[in-house]
Amino acid sequence: MTEAELIQTYAELSSGLTASLALYISVLFAYFLVAHSVGKHLSSLQLILINTVYILVMLLGLQSIYVSMLIFTRVVGELVAIDSVFVEGLAASETFSLVMTGANFIAFVISLIYMYSTRRSTG
């Protein structure tokens, strides 16, 4: 790939990754809102359905974010390899991809724990 194609790929991946993270965070906070506002009042069937859909969507979102970040890392690596001026001071690594995905996974688990604690609390 030429430098121009790599930069275009970089821009498209950045845009897609930003949109994926925004969607992931929106679904996460929507679940927190549901847990907080109506968590105690959901029937068992409603809770199972909501949690099943939520878990599937979040796991697919995590996978999408992780793969996008890995591809993004490789594109940045190629730009660095051709000594592109575009990436001066830009750093991306597979470890960073793993750490970010891990942080998103922890937020996902915390949201499930929050729903559980909301359902179990008295008052």
Protein backbone atom coordinates (compact mmCIF):
# COMPACT_ATOMS: atom_id res chain seq x y z
CA MET A 1 0.00 0.00 0.00
CA THR A 2 1.13 3.52 -0.66
CA GLU A 3 1.44 6.07 2.11
CA ALA A 4 -1.72 7.83 0.93
CA GLU A 5 -3.70 4.56 1.02
CA LEU A 6 -2.38 3.79 4.50
CA ILE A 7 -3.35 7.26 5.73
CA GLN A 8 -6.83 6.86 4.22
CA THR A 9 -7.16 3.44 5.88
CA TYR A 10 -5.97 4.96 9.16
CA ALA A 11 -8.62 7.70 8.94
CA GLU A 12 -11.41 5.25 8.11
CA LEU A 13 -10.39 2.90 10.93
CA SER A 14 -10.23 5.82 13.37
CA SER A 15 -13.72 6.89 12.37
CA GLY A 16 -15.13 3.38 12.63
CA LEU A 17 -13.44 2.74 15.96
CA THR A 18 -14.78 5.99 17.38
CA ALA A 19 -18.30 5.07 16.28
CA SER A 20 -17.96 1.56 17.75
CA LEU A 21 -16.76 2.90 21.09
CA ALA A 22 -19.57 5.48 21.17
CA LEU A 23 -22.16 2.78 20.49
CA TYR A 24 -20.60 0.48 23.10
CA ILE A 25 -20.66 3.22 25.75
CA SER A 26 -24.26 4.17 24.82
CA VAL A 27 -25.47 0.58 25.26
CA LEU A 28 -23.51 0.27 28.51
CA PHE A 29 -25.07 3.36 30.04
CA ALA A 30 -28.53 2.45 28.73
CA TYR A 31 -28.20 -0.83 30.63
CA PHE A 32 -27.12 1.06 33.79
CA LEU A 33 -30.20 3.26 33.38
CA VAL A 34 -32.50 0.23 33.01
CA ALA A 35 -30.88 -1.45 36.00
CA HIS A 36 -31.23 1.65 38.15
CA SER A 37 -34.74 2.70 37.15
CA VAL A 38 -36.65 -0.55 36.64
CA GLY A 39 -34.27 -3.34 37.65
CA LYS A 40 -36.29 -4.34 40.73
CA HIS A 41 -39.57 -4.43 38.84
CA LEU A 42 -38.55 -6.73 35.98
CA SER A 43 -39.98 -10.22 35.89
CA SER A 44 -37.57 -13.14 35.63
CA LEU A 45 -38.39 -13.63 31.94
CA GLN A 46 -37.85 -9.93 31.17
CA LEU A 47 -34.54 -10.01 33.02
CA ILE A 48 -33.37 -13.10 31.14
CA LEU A 49 -34.32 -11.58 27.78
CA ILE A 50 -32.71 -8.20 28.51
CA ASN A 51 -29.53 -9.79 29.87
CA THR A 52 -29.25 -12.25 26.98
CA VAL A 53 -29.56 -9.55 24.34
CA TYR A 54 -27.27 -7.24 26.33
CA ILE A 55 -24.56 -9.87 26.77
CA LEU A 56 -24.62 -10.85 23.10
CA VAL A 57 -24.49 -7.23 21.90
CA MET A 58 -21.69 -6.34 24.30
CA LEU A 59 -19.58 -9.39 23.46
CA LEU A 60 -19.95 -8.68 19.74
CA GLY A 61 -19.08 -5.04 20.42
CA LEU A 62 -15.98 -6.02 22.40
CA GLN A 63 -14.85 -8.34 19.62
CA SER A 64 -15.40 -5.66 17.00
CA ILE A 65 -13.51 -3.05 19.00
CA TYR A 66 -10.60 -5.41 19.68
CA VAL A 67 -10.23 -6.49 16.05
CA SER A 68 -10.50 -2.89 14.84
CA MET A 69 -7.81 -1.83 17.29
CA LEU A 70 -5.51 -4.65 16.14
CA ILE A 71 -5.93 -3.66 12.49
CA PHE A 72 -5.42 -0.02 13.47
CA THR A 73 -2.18 -1.02 15.23
CA ARG A 74 -0.93 -2.80 12.12
CA VAL A 75 -1.71 0.18 9.88
CA VAL A 76 0.16 2.48 12.26
CA GLY A 77 3.03 -0.03 12.25
CA GLU A 78 3.17 0.07 8.47
CA LEU A 79 3.14 3.87 8.50
CA VAL A 80 6.01 3.85 10.98
CA ALA A 81 7.88 1.29 8.85
CA ILE A 82 7.77 3.55 5.79
CA ASP A 83 8.87 6.48 7.98
CA SER A 84 5.73 8.50 7.33
CA VAL A 85 5.66 12.03 8.69
CA PHE A 86 1.96 11.47 9.41
CA VAL A 87 2.68 9.26 12.45
CA GLU A 88 5.26 11.35 14.26
CA GLY A 89 4.53 10.99 17.95
CA LEU A 90 1.75 8.46 17.32
CA ALA A 91 2.01 5.22 19.21
CA ALA A 92 -0.18 2.15 18.99
CA SER A 93 0.54 -1.32 20.22
CA GLU A 94 -1.22 -4.64 20.55
CA THR A 95 -0.82 -4.32 24.32
CA PHE A 96 -2.79 -1.07 24.22
CA SER A 97 -5.52 -2.85 22.24
CA LEU A 98 -5.68 -5.56 24.86
CA VAL A 99 -5.72 -3.08 27.76
CA MET A 100 -8.53 -1.02 26.20
CA THR A 101 -10.59 -4.12 25.46
CA GLY A 102 -9.95 -5.34 29.01
CA ALA A 103 -11.14 -2.01 30.44
CA ASN A 104 -14.30 -2.20 28.32
CA PHE A 105 -14.86 -5.79 29.48
CA ILE A 106 -14.48 -4.75 33.13
CA ALA A 107 -17.09 -2.01 32.61
CA PHE A 108 -19.39 -4.63 31.07
CA VAL A 109 -18.97 -6.97 34.06
CA ILE A 110 -19.53 -4.09 36.50
CA SER A 111 -22.82 -3.29 34.75
CA LEU A 112 -24.01 -6.88 35.23
CA ILE A 113 -22.98 -6.76 38.89
CA TYR A 114 -24.87 -3.49 39.27
CA MET A 115 -28.05 -5.06 37.88
CA TYR A 116 -27.62 -8.01 40.22
CA SER A 117 -27.09 -5.78 43.26
CA THR A 118 -30.07 -3.60 42.30
CA ARG A 119 -32.29 -6.67 42.08
CA ARG A 120 -31.04 -7.99 45.44
CA SER A 121 -31.23 -4.75 47.41
CA THR A 122 -34.15 -4.14 49.72
CA GLY A 123 -35.98 -0.92 50.04
